[in-house]
C-alpha cells in the first residue's frame, strides 16, 4: 500500500536533497475534474526552488481518484505512471533538470506533467 500522499518523502539526486509529495485536487473547469500534483522542493526549506508537475484530468487522460490507485496518472494509448514510486519521481526530476529547471533558483515552477508522460512511460516500462 502506498505511503500517505500527505507526508513528504526524501530524495537525494546528484548531491542535492529534496522532499516530495503527491496531492490530489480539482482543477477549476466547468466539470471540476481531478488533478494530481507531484511537488519537489529543495532541502533544507528555502535553500532553492519548488517544482510542481501538474496532471489535470481531460479527454483521453486520467488521474487516480475514488476507483483507481492513489498515485496513478495515465493517457489512452500512452500508458500510466505511479507518482508514489521513487523511480518515477527521480525520472521526472532528472528530465526536468535536463530540460532546464534549476533547483538553485528560489522560485516556484509549475510544469504540465503530461509533457513528460510518454518519455517517462517508455523509460519506466
PDB file of N, CA and C in Angstrom:
ATOM      1  N   UNK A   1       0.850  -1.182   0.000  1.00  0.00           N
ATOM      2  CA  UNK A   1       0.000   0.000   0.000  1.00  0.00           C
ATOM      3  C   UNK A   1       0.888   1.234   0.000  1.00  0.00           C
ATOM      4  N   UNK A   2       0.581   2.246  -0.828  1.00  0.00           N
ATOM      5  CA  UNK A   2       1.432   3.421  -0.884  1.00  0.00           C
ATOM      6  C   UNK A   2       1.365   4.226   0.394  1.00  0.00           C
ATOM      7  N   UNK A   3       2.420   4.900   0.628  1.00  0.00           N
ATOM      8  CA  UNK A   3       2.521   5.802   1.757  1.00  0.00           C
ATOM      9  C   UNK A   3       1.506   6.933   1.605  1.00  0.00           C
ATOM     10  N   UNK A   4       1.114   7.543   2.709  1.00  0.00           N
ATOM     11  CA  UNK A   4       0.178   8.666   2.646  1.00  0.00           C
ATOM     12  C   UNK A   4       0.760   9.764   1.770  1.00  0.00           C
ATOM     13  N   UNK A   5      -0.046  10.290   0.856  1.00  0.00           N
ATOM     14  CA  UNK A   5       0.431  11.345  -0.030  1.00  0.00           C
ATOM     15  C   UNK A   5       0.614  12.663   0.709  1.00  0.00           C
ATOM     16  N   UNK A   6       0.150  12.746   1.943  1.00  0.00           N
ATOM     17  CA  UNK A   6       0.291  13.981   2.698  1.00  0.00           C
ATOM     18  C   UNK A   6       1.644  14.100   3.393  1.00  0.00           C
ATOM     19  N   UNK A   7       2.471  13.057   3.344  1.00  0.00           N
ATOM     20  CA  UNK A   7       3.767  13.088   4.005  1.00  0.00           C
ATOM     21  C   UNK A   7       4.864  13.311   2.986  1.00  0.00           C
ATOM     22  N   UNK A   8       5.787  14.201   3.316  1.00  0.00           N
ATOM     23  CA  UNK A   8       6.935  14.434   2.452  1.00  0.00           C
ATOM     24  C   UNK A   8       7.875  13.254   2.527  1.00  0.00           C
ATOM     25  N   UNK A   9       8.442  12.909   1.385  1.00  0.00           N
ATOM     26  CA  UNK A   9       9.401  11.812   1.310  1.00  0.00           C
ATOM     27  C   UNK A   9      10.727  12.371   0.806  1.00  0.00           C
ATOM     28  N   UNK A  10      11.831  11.873   1.326  1.00  0.00           N
ATOM     29  CA  UNK A  10      13.139  12.387   0.901  1.00  0.00           C
ATOM     30  C   UNK A  10      13.616  11.757  -0.402  1.00  0.00           C
ATOM     31  N   UNK A  11      14.413  12.505  -1.142  1.00  0.00           N
ATOM     32  CA  UNK A  11      15.048  12.034  -2.358  1.00  0.00           C
ATOM     33  C   UNK A  11      16.387  12.753  -2.489  1.00  0.00           C
ATOM     34  N   UNK A  12      17.451  11.999  -2.721  1.00  0.00           N
ATOM     35  CA  UNK A  12      18.773  12.573  -2.968  1.00  0.00           C
ATOM     36  C   UNK A  12      19.093  12.329  -4.434  1.00  0.00           C
ATOM     37  N   UNK A  13      19.457  13.392  -5.143  1.00  0.00           N
ATOM     38  CA  UNK A  13      19.795  13.281  -6.558  1.00  0.00           C
ATOM     39  C   UNK A  13      20.957  14.214  -6.868  1.00  0.00           C
ATOM     40  N   UNK A  14      22.034  13.654  -7.387  1.00  0.00           N
ATOM     41  CA  UNK A  14      23.204  14.435  -7.777  1.00  0.00           C
ATOM     42  C   UNK A  14      23.709  15.334  -6.655  1.00  0.00           C
ATOM     43  N   UNK A  15      23.728  14.791  -5.448  1.00  0.00           N
ATOM     44  CA  UNK A  15      24.260  15.520  -4.300  1.00  0.00           C
ATOM     45  C   UNK A  15      23.333  16.564  -3.709  1.00  0.00           C
ATOM     46  N   UNK A  16      22.127  16.680  -4.227  1.00  0.00           N
ATOM     47  CA  UNK A  16      21.158  17.659  -3.712  1.00  0.00           C
ATOM     48  C   UNK A  16      20.018  16.900  -3.048  1.00  0.00           C
ATOM     49  N   UNK A  17      19.504  17.452  -1.964  1.00  0.00           N
ATOM     50  CA  UNK A  17      18.442  16.818  -1.196  1.00  0.00           C
ATOM     51  C   UNK A  17      17.104  17.495  -1.506  1.00  0.00           C
ATOM     52  N   UNK A  18      16.069  16.655  -1.683  1.00  0.00           N
ATOM     53  CA  UNK A  18      14.714  17.121  -1.987  1.00  0.00           C
ATOM     54  C   UNK A  18      13.715  16.439  -1.059  1.00  0.00           C
ATOM     55  N   UNK A  19      12.566  17.056  -0.922  1.00  0.00           N
ATOM     56  CA  UNK A  19      11.389  16.428  -0.330  1.00  0.00           C
ATOM     57  C   UNK A  19      10.321  16.434  -1.406  1.00  0.00           C
ATOM     58  N   UNK A  20       9.509  15.355  -1.470  1.00  0.00           N
ATOM     59  CA  UNK A  20       8.457  15.304  -2.476  1.00  0.00           C
ATOM     60  C   UNK A  20       7.154  14.788  -1.892  1.00  0.00           C
ATOM     61  N   UNK A  21       6.072  15.274  -2.481  1.00  0.00           N
ATOM     62  CA  UNK A  21       4.723  14.870  -2.082  1.00  0.00           C
ATOM     63  C   UNK A  21       3.861  14.705  -3.331  1.00  0.00           C
ATOM     64  N   UNK A  22       2.803  13.928  -3.184  1.00  0.00           N
ATOM     65  CA  UNK A  22       1.795  13.778  -4.229  1.00  0.00           C
ATOM     66  C   UNK A  22       0.465  14.184  -3.613  1.00  0.00           C
ATOM     67  N   UNK A  23      -0.243  15.054  -4.300  1.00  0.00           N
ATOM     68  CA  UNK A  23      -1.529  15.533  -3.797  1.00  0.00           C
ATOM     69  C   UNK A  23      -2.613  15.356  -4.857  1.00  0.00           C
ATOM     70  N   UNK A  24      -3.823  15.163  -4.365  1.00  0.00           N
ATOM     71  CA  UNK A  24      -4.997  15.092  -5.226  1.00  0.00           C
ATOM     72  C   UNK A  24      -5.802  16.363  -5.016  1.00  0.00           C
ATOM     73  N   UNK A  25      -6.308  16.905  -6.101  1.00  0.00           N
ATOM     74  CA  UNK A  25      -7.143  18.099  -6.005  1.00  0.00           C
ATOM     75  C   UNK A  25      -8.064  18.162  -7.199  1.00  0.00           C
ATOM     76  N   UNK A  26      -8.639  19.336  -7.416  1.00  0.00           N
ATOM     77  CA  UNK A  26      -9.570  19.532  -8.530  1.00  0.00           C
ATOM     78  C   UNK A  26      -9.240  20.829  -9.228  1.00  0.00           C
ATOM     79  N   UNK A  27      -9.213  20.771 -10.553  1.00  0.00           N
ATOM     80  CA  UNK A  27      -8.934  21.989 -11.296  1.00  0.00           C
ATOM     81  C   UNK A  27     -10.224  22.735 -11.554  1.00  0.00           C
ATOM     82  N   UNK A  28     -10.075  24.009 -11.749  1.00  0.00           N
ATOM     83  CA  UNK A  28     -11.247  24.863 -11.900  1.00  0.00           C
ATOM     84  C   UNK A  28     -11.642  24.926 -13.379  1.00  0.00           C
ATOM     85  N   UNK A  29     -12.421  23.958 -13.765  1.00  0.00           N
ATOM     86  CA  UNK A  29     -13.009  23.916 -15.098  1.00  0.00           C
ATOM     87  C   UNK A  29     -14.503  23.693 -14.926  1.00  0.00           C
ATOM     88  N   UNK A  30     -15.216  23.729 -15.998  1.00  0.00           N
ATOM     89  CA  UNK A  30     -16.657  23.522 -15.909  1.00  0.00           C
ATOM     90  C   UNK A  30     -17.007  22.198 -15.242  1.00  0.00           C
ATOM     91  N   UNK A  31     -16.190  21.160 -15.512  1.00  0.00           N
ATOM     92  CA  UNK A  31     -16.505  19.848 -14.939  1.00  0.00           C
ATOM     93  C   UNK A  31     -15.844  19.612 -13.577  1.00  0.00           C
ATOM     94  N   UNK A  32     -14.979  20.518 -13.134  1.00  0.00           N
ATOM     95  CA  UNK A  32     -14.313  20.347 -11.841  1.00  0.00           C
ATOM     96  C   UNK A  32     -13.478  19.086 -11.777  1.00  0.00           C
ATOM     97  N   UNK A  33     -12.831  18.722 -12.892  1.00  0.00           N
ATOM     98  CA  UNK A  33     -12.070  17.484 -12.994  1.00  0.00           C
ATOM     99  C   UNK A  33     -10.948  17.358 -11.985  1.00  0.00           C
ATOM    100  N   UNK A  34     -10.451  16.144 -11.864  1.00  0.00           N
ATOM    101  CA  UNK A  34      -9.408  15.849 -10.884  1.00  0.00           C
ATOM    102  C   UNK A  34      -8.033  16.287 -11.369  1.00  0.00           C
ATOM    103  N   UNK A  35      -7.145  16.470 -10.394  1.00  0.00           N
ATOM    104  CA  UNK A  35      -5.767  16.889 -10.650  1.00  0.00           C
ATOM    105  C   UNK A  35      -4.860  16.136  -9.693  1.00  0.00           C
ATOM    106  N   UNK A  36      -3.717  15.700 -10.198  1.00  0.00           N
ATOM    107  CA  UNK A  36      -2.647  15.171  -9.363  1.00  0.00           C
ATOM    108  C   UNK A  36      -1.478  16.130  -9.495  1.00  0.00           C
ATOM    109  N   UNK A  37      -0.844  16.444  -8.377  1.00  0.00           N
ATOM    110  CA  UNK A  37       0.325  17.311  -8.382  1.00  0.00           C
ATOM    111  C   UNK A  37       1.447  16.631  -7.618  1.00  0.00           C
ATOM    112  N   UNK A  38       2.571  16.452  -8.306  1.00  0.00           N
ATOM    113  CA  UNK A  38       3.799  15.966  -7.689  1.00  0.00           C
ATOM    114  C   UNK A  38       4.654  17.198  -7.435  1.00  0.00           C
ATOM    115  N   UNK A  39       5.004  17.427  -6.170  1.00  0.00           N
ATOM    116  CA  UNK A  39       5.797  18.595  -5.805  1.00  0.00           C
ATOM    117  C   UNK A  39       7.137  18.162  -5.246  1.00  0.00           C
ATOM    118  N   UNK A  40       8.197  18.750  -5.775  1.00  0.00           N
ATOM    119  CA  UNK A  40       9.546  18.556  -5.246  1.00  0.00           C
ATOM    120  C   UNK A  40      10.049  19.898  -4.743  1.00  0.00           C
ATOM    121  N   UNK A  41      10.604  19.898  -3.549  1.00  0.00           N
ATOM    122  CA  UNK A  41      11.202  21.119  -3.008  1.00  0.00           C
ATOM    123  C   UNK A  41      12.601  20.794  -2.521  1.00  0.00           C
ATOM    124  N   UNK A  42      13.484  21.754  -2.706  1.00  0.00           N
ATOM    125  CA  UNK A  42      14.851  21.537  -2.251  1.00  0.00           C
ATOM    126  C   UNK A  42      14.898  21.562  -0.734  1.00  0.00           C
ATOM    127  N   UNK A  43      15.919  20.894  -0.219  1.00  0.00           N
ATOM    128  CA  UNK A  43      16.122  20.799   1.214  1.00  0.00           C
ATOM    129  C   UNK A  43      17.462  21.380   1.557  1.00  0.00           C
ATOM    130  N   UNK A  44      17.616  22.111   2.636  1.00  0.00           N
ATOM    131  CA  UNK A  44      16.575  22.486   3.590  1.00  0.00           C
ATOM    132  C   UNK A  44      15.629  23.517   2.990  1.00  0.00           C
ATOM    133  N   UNK A  45      14.463  23.696   3.622  1.00  0.00           N
ATOM    134  CA  UNK A  45      13.491  24.669   3.108  1.00  0.00           C
ATOM    135  C   UNK A  45      14.141  26.034   2.900  1.00  0.00           C
ATOM    136  N   UNK A  46      13.817  26.653   1.784  1.00  0.00           N
ATOM    137  CA  UNK A  46      14.365  27.967   1.472  1.00  0.00           C
ATOM    138  C   UNK A  46      15.720  27.920   0.785  1.00  0.00           C
ATOM    139  N   UNK A  47      16.282  26.723   0.620  1.00  0.00           N
ATOM    140  CA  UNK A  47      17.606  26.591   0.008  1.00  0.00           C
ATOM    141  C   UNK A  47      17.551  26.652  -1.512  1.00  0.00           C
ATOM    142  N   UNK A  48      16.367  26.601  -2.066  1.00  0.00           N
ATOM    143  CA  UNK A  48      16.255  26.612  -3.512  1.00  0.00           C
ATOM    144  C   UNK A  48      14.813  26.603  -3.947  1.00  0.00           C
ATOM    145  N   UNK A  49      14.584  26.030  -5.118  1.00  0.00           N
ATOM    146  CA  UNK A  49      13.287  26.131  -5.754  1.00  0.00           C
ATOM    147  C   UNK A  49      12.280  25.059  -5.403  1.00  0.00           C
ATOM    148  N   UNK A  50      11.133  25.224  -6.020  1.00  0.00           N
ATOM    149  CA  UNK A  50       9.990  24.343  -5.852  1.00  0.00           C
ATOM    150  C   UNK A  50       9.525  23.977  -7.262  1.00  0.00           C
ATOM    151  N   UNK A  51       9.346  22.688  -7.521  1.00  0.00           N
ATOM    152  CA  UNK A  51       8.936  22.218  -8.836  1.00  0.00           C
ATOM    153  C   UNK A  51       7.650  21.423  -8.704  1.00  0.00           C
ATOM    154  N   UNK A  52       6.631  21.804  -9.465  1.00  0.00           N
ATOM    155  CA  UNK A  52       5.343  21.117  -9.433  1.00  0.00           C
ATOM    156  C   UNK A  52       5.026  20.540 -10.811  1.00  0.00           C
ATOM    157  N   UNK A  53       4.792  19.236 -10.844  1.00  0.00           N
ATOM    158  CA  UNK A  53       4.308  18.558 -12.041  1.00  0.00           C
ATOM    159  C   UNK A  53       2.794  18.445 -11.882  1.00  0.00           C
ATOM    160  N   UNK A  54       2.049  19.086 -12.756  1.00  0.00           N
ATOM    161  CA  UNK A  54       0.592  19.116 -12.648  1.00  0.00           C
ATOM    162  C   UNK A  54      -0.014  18.239 -13.740  1.00  0.00           C
ATOM    163  N   UNK A  55      -0.877  17.308 -13.316  1.00  0.00           N
ATOM    164  CA  UNK A  55      -1.582  16.403 -14.224  1.00  0.00           C
ATOM    165  C   UNK A  55      -3.075  16.653 -14.056  1.00  0.00           C
ATOM    166  N   UNK A  56      -3.665  17.385 -15.007  1.00  0.00           N
ATOM    167  CA  UNK A  56      -5.101  17.650 -14.980  1.00  0.00           C
ATOM    168  C   UNK A  56      -5.823  16.614 -15.833  1.00  0.00           C
ATOM    169  N   UNK A  57      -6.889  16.072 -15.279  1.00  0.00           N
ATOM    170  CA  UNK A  57      -7.741  15.130 -15.996  1.00  0.00           C
ATOM    171  C   UNK A  57      -8.341  15.826 -17.221  1.00  0.00           C
ATOM    172  N   UNK A  58      -8.472  15.090 -18.300  1.00  0.00           N
ATOM    173  CA  UNK A  58      -9.071  15.657 -19.507  1.00  0.00           C
ATOM    174  C   UNK A  58      -9.336  14.554 -20.509  1.00  0.00           C
ATOM    175  N   UNK A  59      -9.781  14.915 -21.714  1.00  0.00           N
ATOM    176  CA  UNK A  59     -10.082  13.910 -22.727  1.00  0.00           C
ATOM    177  C   UNK A  59      -8.877  12.996 -22.987  1.00  0.00           C
ATOM    178  N   UNK A  60      -9.071  11.693 -22.797  1.00  0.00           N
ATOM    179  CA  UNK A  60      -8.014  10.728 -23.015  1.00  0.00           C
ATOM    180  C   UNK A  60      -6.976  10.659 -21.918  1.00  0.00           C
ATOM    181  N   UNK A  61      -7.143  11.451 -20.875  1.00  0.00           N
ATOM    182  CA  UNK A  61      -6.200  11.497 -19.757  1.00  0.00           C
ATOM    183  C   UNK A  61      -6.945  11.287 -18.446  1.00  0.00           C
ATOM    184  N   UNK A  62      -6.341  10.526 -17.562  1.00  0.00           N
ATOM    185  CA  UNK A  62      -6.989  10.309 -16.270  1.00  0.00           C
ATOM    186  C   UNK A  62      -5.987  10.445 -15.133  1.00  0.00           C
ATOM    187  N   UNK A  63      -6.511  10.804 -13.996  1.00  0.00           N
ATOM    188  CA  UNK A  63      -5.742  10.814 -12.756  1.00  0.00           C
ATOM    189  C   UNK A  63      -6.518   9.972 -11.757  1.00  0.00           C
ATOM    190  N   UNK A  64      -5.785   9.308 -10.896  1.00  0.00           N
ATOM    191  CA  UNK A  64      -6.445   8.403  -9.955  1.00  0.00           C
ATOM    192  C   UNK A  64      -7.377   9.164  -9.034  1.00  0.00           C
ATOM    193  N   UNK A  65      -8.359   8.455  -8.600  1.00  0.00           N
ATOM    194  CA  UNK A  65      -9.349   9.023  -7.701  1.00  0.00           C
ATOM    195  C   UNK A  65      -9.999   7.918  -6.918  1.00  0.00           C
ATOM    196  N   UNK A  66     -11.288   7.993  -6.791  1.00  0.00           N
ATOM    197  CA  UNK A  66     -12.050   7.070  -5.957  1.00  0.00           C
ATOM    198  C   UNK A  66     -11.923   5.616  -6.393  1.00  0.00           C
ATOM    199  N   UNK A  67     -11.901   5.356  -7.698  1.00  0.00           N
ATOM    200  CA  UNK A  67     -11.943   3.969  -8.176  1.00  0.00           C
ATOM    201  C   UNK A  67     -10.594   3.411  -8.629  1.00  0.00           C
ATOM    202  N   UNK A  68      -9.535   4.196  -8.570  1.00  0.00           N
ATOM    203  CA  UNK A  68      -8.226   3.718  -9.026  1.00  0.00           C
ATOM    204  C   UNK A  68      -7.170   3.948  -7.949  1.00  0.00           C
ATOM    205  N   UNK A  69      -5.945   3.451  -8.187  1.00  0.00           N
ATOM    206  CA  UNK A  69      -4.849   3.621  -7.236  1.00  0.00           C
ATOM    207  C   UNK A  69      -4.547   5.084  -6.968  1.00  0.00           C
ATOM    208  N   UNK A  70      -4.045   5.377  -5.807  1.00  0.00           N
ATOM    209  CA  UNK A  70      -3.951   6.767  -5.367  1.00  0.00           C
ATOM    210  C   UNK A  70      -2.940   7.629  -6.111  1.00  0.00           C
ATOM    211  N   UNK A  71      -1.920   7.081  -6.735  1.00  0.00           N
ATOM    212  CA  UNK A  71      -0.919   7.916  -7.376  1.00  0.00           C
ATOM    213  C   UNK A  71      -0.835   7.779  -8.874  1.00  0.00           C
ATOM    214  N   UNK A  72      -1.820   7.148  -9.482  1.00  0.00           N
ATOM    215  CA  UNK A  72      -1.726   6.841 -10.907  1.00  0.00           C
ATOM    216  C   UNK A  72      -2.211   7.990 -11.778  1.00  0.00           C
ATOM    217  N   UNK A  73      -1.443   8.243 -12.848  1.00  0.00           N
ATOM    218  CA  UNK A  73      -1.837   9.161 -13.911  1.00  0.00           C
ATOM    219  C   UNK A  73      -1.594   8.432 -15.220  1.00  0.00           C
ATOM    220  N   UNK A  74      -2.445   8.660 -16.211  1.00  0.00           N
ATOM    221  CA  UNK A  74      -2.249   7.959 -17.467  1.00  0.00           C
ATOM    222  C   UNK A  74      -2.989   8.596 -18.615  1.00  0.00           C
ATOM    223  N   UNK A  75      -2.607   8.159 -19.805  1.00  0.00           N
ATOM    224  CA  UNK A  75      -3.245   8.642 -21.023  1.00  0.00           C
ATOM    225  C   UNK A  75      -3.508   7.454 -21.935  1.00  0.00           C
ATOM    226  N   UNK A  76      -4.645   7.482 -22.593  1.00  0.00           N
ATOM    227  CA  UNK A  76      -5.037   6.431 -23.517  1.00  0.00           C
ATOM    228  C   UNK A  76      -3.992   6.347 -24.639  1.00  0.00           C
ATOM    229  N   UNK A  77      -3.545   5.137 -24.926  1.00  0.00           N
ATOM    230  CA  UNK A  77      -2.575   4.926 -25.984  1.00  0.00           C
ATOM    231  C   UNK A  77      -1.135   5.221 -25.602  1.00  0.00           C
ATOM    232  N   UNK A  78      -0.919   5.710 -24.391  1.00  0.00           N
ATOM    233  CA  UNK A  78       0.442   6.030 -23.931  1.00  0.00           C
ATOM    234  C   UNK A  78       0.842   5.122 -22.780  1.00  0.00           C
ATOM    235  N   UNK A  79       0.013   5.062 -21.762  1.00  0.00           N
ATOM    236  CA  UNK A  79       0.298   4.258 -20.585  1.00  0.00           C
ATOM    237  C   UNK A  79       0.117   5.073 -19.324  1.00  0.00           C
ATOM    238  N   UNK A  80       0.603   4.524 -18.221  1.00  0.00           N
ATOM    239  CA  UNK A  80       0.380   5.158 -16.919  1.00  0.00           C
ATOM    240  C   UNK A  80       1.651   5.143 -16.086  1.00  0.00           C
ATOM    241  N   UNK A  81       1.676   6.046 -15.110  1.00  0.00           N
ATOM    242  CA  UNK A  81       2.753   6.133 -14.128  1.00  0.00           C
ATOM    243  C   UNK A  81       2.144   6.145 -12.742  1.00  0.00           C
ATOM    244  N   UNK A  82       2.897   5.644 -11.778  1.00  0.00           N
ATOM    245  CA  UNK A  82       2.504   5.760 -10.376  1.00  0.00           C
ATOM    246  C   UNK A  82       3.422   6.801  -9.741  1.00  0.00           C
ATOM    247  N   UNK A  83       2.859   7.937  -9.368  1.00  0.00           N
ATOM    248  CA  UNK A  83       3.639   9.035  -8.807  1.00  0.00           C
ATOM    249  C   UNK A  83       4.131   8.757  -7.391  1.00  0.00           C
ATOM    250  N   UNK A  84       3.717   7.640  -6.807  1.00  0.00           N
ATOM    251  CA  UNK A  84       4.220   7.263  -5.481  1.00  0.00           C
ATOM    252  C   UNK A  84       5.506   6.445  -5.568  1.00  0.00           C
ATOM    253  N   UNK A  85       5.929   6.071  -6.776  1.00  0.00           N
ATOM    254  CA  UNK A  85       7.152   5.284  -6.929  1.00  0.00           C
ATOM    255  C   UNK A  85       8.364   6.207  -7.002  1.00  0.00           C
ATOM    256  N   UNK A  86       9.330   6.011  -6.113  1.00  0.00           N
ATOM    257  CA  UNK A  86      10.522   6.870  -6.124  1.00  0.00           C
ATOM    258  C   UNK A  86      11.248   6.886  -7.474  1.00  0.00           C
ATOM    259  N   UNK A  87      11.263   5.763  -8.195  1.00  0.00           N
ATOM    260  CA  UNK A  87      11.906   5.736  -9.505  1.00  0.00           C
ATOM    261  C   UNK A  87      11.221   6.648 -10.509  1.00  0.00           C
ATOM    262  N   UNK A  88       9.904   6.724 -10.428  1.00  0.00           N
ATOM    263  CA  UNK A  88       9.151   7.633 -11.299  1.00  0.00           C
ATOM    264  C   UNK A  88       9.482   9.077 -10.957  1.00  0.00           C
ATOM    265  N   UNK A  89       9.502   9.384  -9.669  1.00  0.00           N
ATOM    266  CA  UNK A  89       9.812  10.748  -9.226  1.00  0.00           C
ATOM    267  C   UNK A  89      11.221  11.132  -9.678  1.00  0.00           C
ATOM    268  N   UNK A  90      12.174  10.223  -9.506  1.00  0.00           N
ATOM    269  CA  UNK A  90      13.559  10.509  -9.905  1.00  0.00           C
ATOM    270  C   UNK A  90      13.640  10.739 -11.414  1.00  0.00           C
ATOM    271  N   UNK A  91      12.941   9.928 -12.203  1.00  0.00           N
ATOM    272  CA  UNK A  91      12.963  10.126 -13.649  1.00  0.00           C
ATOM    273  C   UNK A  91      12.395  11.500 -14.014  1.00  0.00           C
ATOM    274  N   UNK A  92      11.268  11.870 -13.427  1.00  0.00           N
ATOM    275  CA  UNK A  92      10.665  13.172 -13.731  1.00  0.00           C
ATOM    276  C   UNK A  92      11.592  14.316 -13.322  1.00  0.00           C
ATOM    277  N   UNK A  93      12.225  14.199 -12.160  1.00  0.00           N
ATOM    278  CA  UNK A  93      13.183  15.218 -11.712  1.00  0.00           C
ATOM    279  C   UNK A  93      14.351  15.314 -12.689  1.00  0.00           C
ATOM    280  N   UNK A  94      14.954  14.191 -13.024  1.00  0.00           N
ATOM    281  CA  UNK A  94      16.095  14.203 -13.944  1.00  0.00           C
ATOM    282  C   UNK A  94      15.719  14.806 -15.291  1.00  0.00           C
ATOM    283  N   UNK A  95      14.526  14.500 -15.779  1.00  0.00           N
ATOM    284  CA  UNK A  95      14.079  15.038 -17.060  1.00  0.00           C
ATOM    285  C   UNK A  95      13.852  16.546 -16.962  1.00  0.00           C
ATOM    286  N   UNK A  96      13.266  17.009 -15.858  1.00  0.00           N
ATOM    287  CA  UNK A  96      13.065  18.454 -15.670  1.00  0.00           C
ATOM    288  C   UNK A  96      14.414  19.180 -15.599  1.00  0.00           C
ATOM    289  N   UNK A  97      15.384  18.582 -14.934  1.00  0.00           N
ATOM    290  CA  UNK A  97      16.723  19.175 -14.870  1.00  0.00           C
ATOM    291  C   UNK A  97      17.337  19.244 -16.272  1.00  0.00           C
ATOM    292  N   UNK A  98      17.187  18.175 -17.045  1.00  0.00           N
ATOM    293  CA  UNK A  98      17.720  18.151 -18.407  1.00  0.00           C
ATOM    294  C   UNK A  98      17.029  19.182 -19.300  1.00  0.00           C
ATOM    295  N   UNK A  99      15.772  19.499 -18.984  1.00  0.00           N
ATOM    296  CA  UNK A  99      15.014  20.492 -19.764  1.00  0.00           C
ATOM    297  C   UNK A  99      15.233  21.916 -19.252  1.00  0.00           C
ATOM    298  N   UNK A 100      16.108  22.078 -18.250  1.00  0.00           N
ATOM    299  CA  UNK A 100      16.478  23.428 -17.840  1.00  0.00           C
ATOM    300  C   UNK A 100      16.036  23.904 -16.474  1.00  0.00           C
ATOM    301  N   UNK A 101      15.302  23.089 -15.713  1.00  0.00           N
ATOM    302  CA  UNK A 101      14.919  23.548 -14.377  1.00  0.00           C
ATOM    303  C   UNK A 101      16.158  23.629 -13.502  1.00  0.00           C
ATOM    304  N   UNK A 102      16.319  24.737 -12.796  1.00  0.00           N
ATOM    305  CA  UNK A 102      17.469  24.947 -11.915  1.00  0.00           C
ATOM    306  C   UNK A 102      16.991  24.978 -10.468  1.00  0.00           C
ATOM    307  N   UNK A 103      17.311  23.946  -9.682  1.00  0.00           N
ATOM    308  CA  UNK A 103      16.823  23.890  -8.301  1.00  0.00           C
ATOM    309  C   UNK A 103      17.424  24.960  -7.393  1.00  0.00           C
ATOM    310  N   UNK A 104      18.476  25.641  -7.846  1.00  0.00           N
ATOM    311  CA  UNK A 104      19.083  26.704  -7.027  1.00  0.00           C
ATOM    312  C   UNK A 104      18.283  27.992  -7.074  1.00  0.00           C
ATOM    313  N   UNK A 105      17.443  28.128  -8.110  1.00  0.00           N
ATOM    314  CA  UNK A 105      16.621  29.340  -8.216  1.00  0.00           C
ATOM    315  C   UNK A 105      15.503  29.284  -7.198  1.00  0.00           C
ATOM    316  N   UNK A 106      15.391  30.277  -6.394  1.00  0.00           N
ATOM    317  CA  UNK A 106      14.387  30.301  -5.321  1.00  0.00           C
ATOM    318  C   UNK A 106      13.052  30.806  -5.850  1.00  0.00           C
ATOM    319  N   UNK A 107      12.431  29.942  -6.630  1.00  0.00           N
ATOM    320  CA  UNK A 107      11.107  30.277  -7.161  1.00  0.00           C
ATOM    321  C   UNK A 107      10.336  28.995  -7.409  1.00  0.00           C
ATOM    322  N   UNK A 108       9.039  29.145  -7.547  1.00  0.00           N
ATOM    323  CA  UNK A 108       8.166  28.010  -7.842  1.00  0.00           C
ATOM    324  C   UNK A 108       7.990  27.895  -9.352  1.00  0.00           C
ATOM    325  N   UNK A 109       8.137  26.677  -9.858  1.00  0.00           N
ATOM    326  CA  UNK A 109       7.936  26.411 -11.275  1.00  0.00           C
ATOM    327  C   UNK A 109       6.877  25.321 -11.400  1.00  0.00           C
ATOM    328  N   UNK A 110       5.840  25.607 -12.210  1.00  0.00           N
ATOM    329  CA  UNK A 110       4.807  24.611 -12.499  1.00  0.00           C
ATOM    330  C   UNK A 110       4.994  24.160 -13.927  1.00  0.00           C
ATOM    331  N   UNK A 111       4.957  22.838 -14.112  1.00  0.00           N
ATOM    332  CA  UNK A 111       5.071  22.287 -15.465  1.00  0.00           C
ATOM    333  C   UNK A 111       3.881  21.371 -15.726  1.00  0.00           C
ATOM    334  N   UNK A 112       3.528  21.265 -16.994  1.00  0.00           N
ATOM    335  CA  UNK A 112       2.467  20.358 -17.408  1.00  0.00           C
ATOM    336  C   UNK A 112       3.043  18.949 -17.387  1.00  0.00           C
ATOM    337  N   UNK A 113       2.633  18.146 -16.427  1.00  0.00           N
ATOM    338  CA  UNK A 113       3.158  16.803 -16.273  1.00  0.00           C
ATOM    339  C   UNK A 113       2.947  15.924 -17.485  1.00  0.00           C
ATOM    340  N   UNK A 114       1.886  16.207 -18.246  1.00  0.00           N
ATOM    341  CA  UNK A 114       1.595  15.379 -19.428  1.00  0.00           C
ATOM    342  C   UNK A 114       2.708  15.467 -20.459  1.00  0.00           C
ATOM    343  N   UNK A 115       3.457  16.565 -20.504  1.00  0.00           N
ATOM    344  CA  UNK A 115       4.550  16.697 -21.476  1.00  0.00           C
ATOM    345  C   UNK A 115       5.722  15.769 -21.138  1.00  0.00           C
ATOM    346  N   UNK A 116       5.697  15.143 -19.974  1.00  0.00           N
ATOM    347  CA  UNK A 116       6.731  14.211 -19.541  1.00  0.00           C
ATOM    348  C   UNK A 116       6.266  12.758 -19.631  1.00  0.00           C
ATOM    349  N   UNK A 117       4.965  12.540 -19.777  1.00  0.00           N
ATOM    350  CA  UNK A 117       4.393  11.202 -19.622  1.00  0.00           C
ATOM    351  C   UNK A 117       4.942  10.170 -20.601  1.00  0.00           C
ATOM    352  N   UNK A 118       4.898  10.459 -21.881  1.00  0.00           N
ATOM    353  CA  UNK A 118       5.293   9.451 -22.864  1.00  0.00           C
ATOM    354  C   UNK A 118       6.748   9.004 -22.652  1.00  0.00           C
ATOM    355  N   UNK A 119       7.646   9.959 -22.448  1.00  0.00           N
ATOM    356  CA  UNK A 119       9.047   9.638 -22.216  1.00  0.00           C
ATOM    357  C   UNK A 119       9.224   8.829 -20.926  1.00  0.00           C
ATOM    358  N   UNK A 120       8.498   9.213 -19.886  1.00  0.00           N
ATOM    359  CA  UNK A 120       8.601   8.514 -18.596  1.00  0.00           C
ATOM    360  C   UNK A 120       8.063   7.096 -18.691  1.00  0.00           C
ATOM    361  N   UNK A 121       6.934   6.912 -19.358  1.00  0.00           N
ATOM    362  CA  UNK A 121       6.356   5.568 -19.509  1.00  0.00           C
ATOM    363  C   UNK A 121       7.328   4.681 -20.279  1.00  0.00           C
ATOM    364  N   UNK A 122       7.907   5.205 -21.344  1.00  0.00           N
ATOM    365  CA  UNK A 122       8.859   4.416 -22.132  1.00  0.00           C
ATOM    366  C   UNK A 122      10.083   4.034 -21.312  1.00  0.00           C
ATOM    367  N   UNK A 123      10.595   4.963 -20.526  1.00  0.00           N
ATOM    368  CA  UNK A 123      11.784   4.701 -19.710  1.00  0.00           C
ATOM    369  C   UNK A 123      11.495   3.771 -18.555  1.00  0.00           C
ATOM    370  N   UNK A 124      10.311   3.893 -17.962  1.00  0.00           N
ATOM    371  CA  UNK A 124       9.952   3.094 -16.785  1.00  0.00           C
ATOM    372  C   UNK A 124       9.404   1.728 -17.176  1.00  0.00           C
ATOM    373  N   UNK A 125       8.986   1.588 -18.461  1.00  0.00           N
ATOM    374  CA  UNK A 125       8.344   0.379 -18.954  1.00  0.00           C
ATOM    375  C   UNK A 125       9.164  -0.836 -18.773  1.00  0.00           C
TER     376      UNK A 125
END
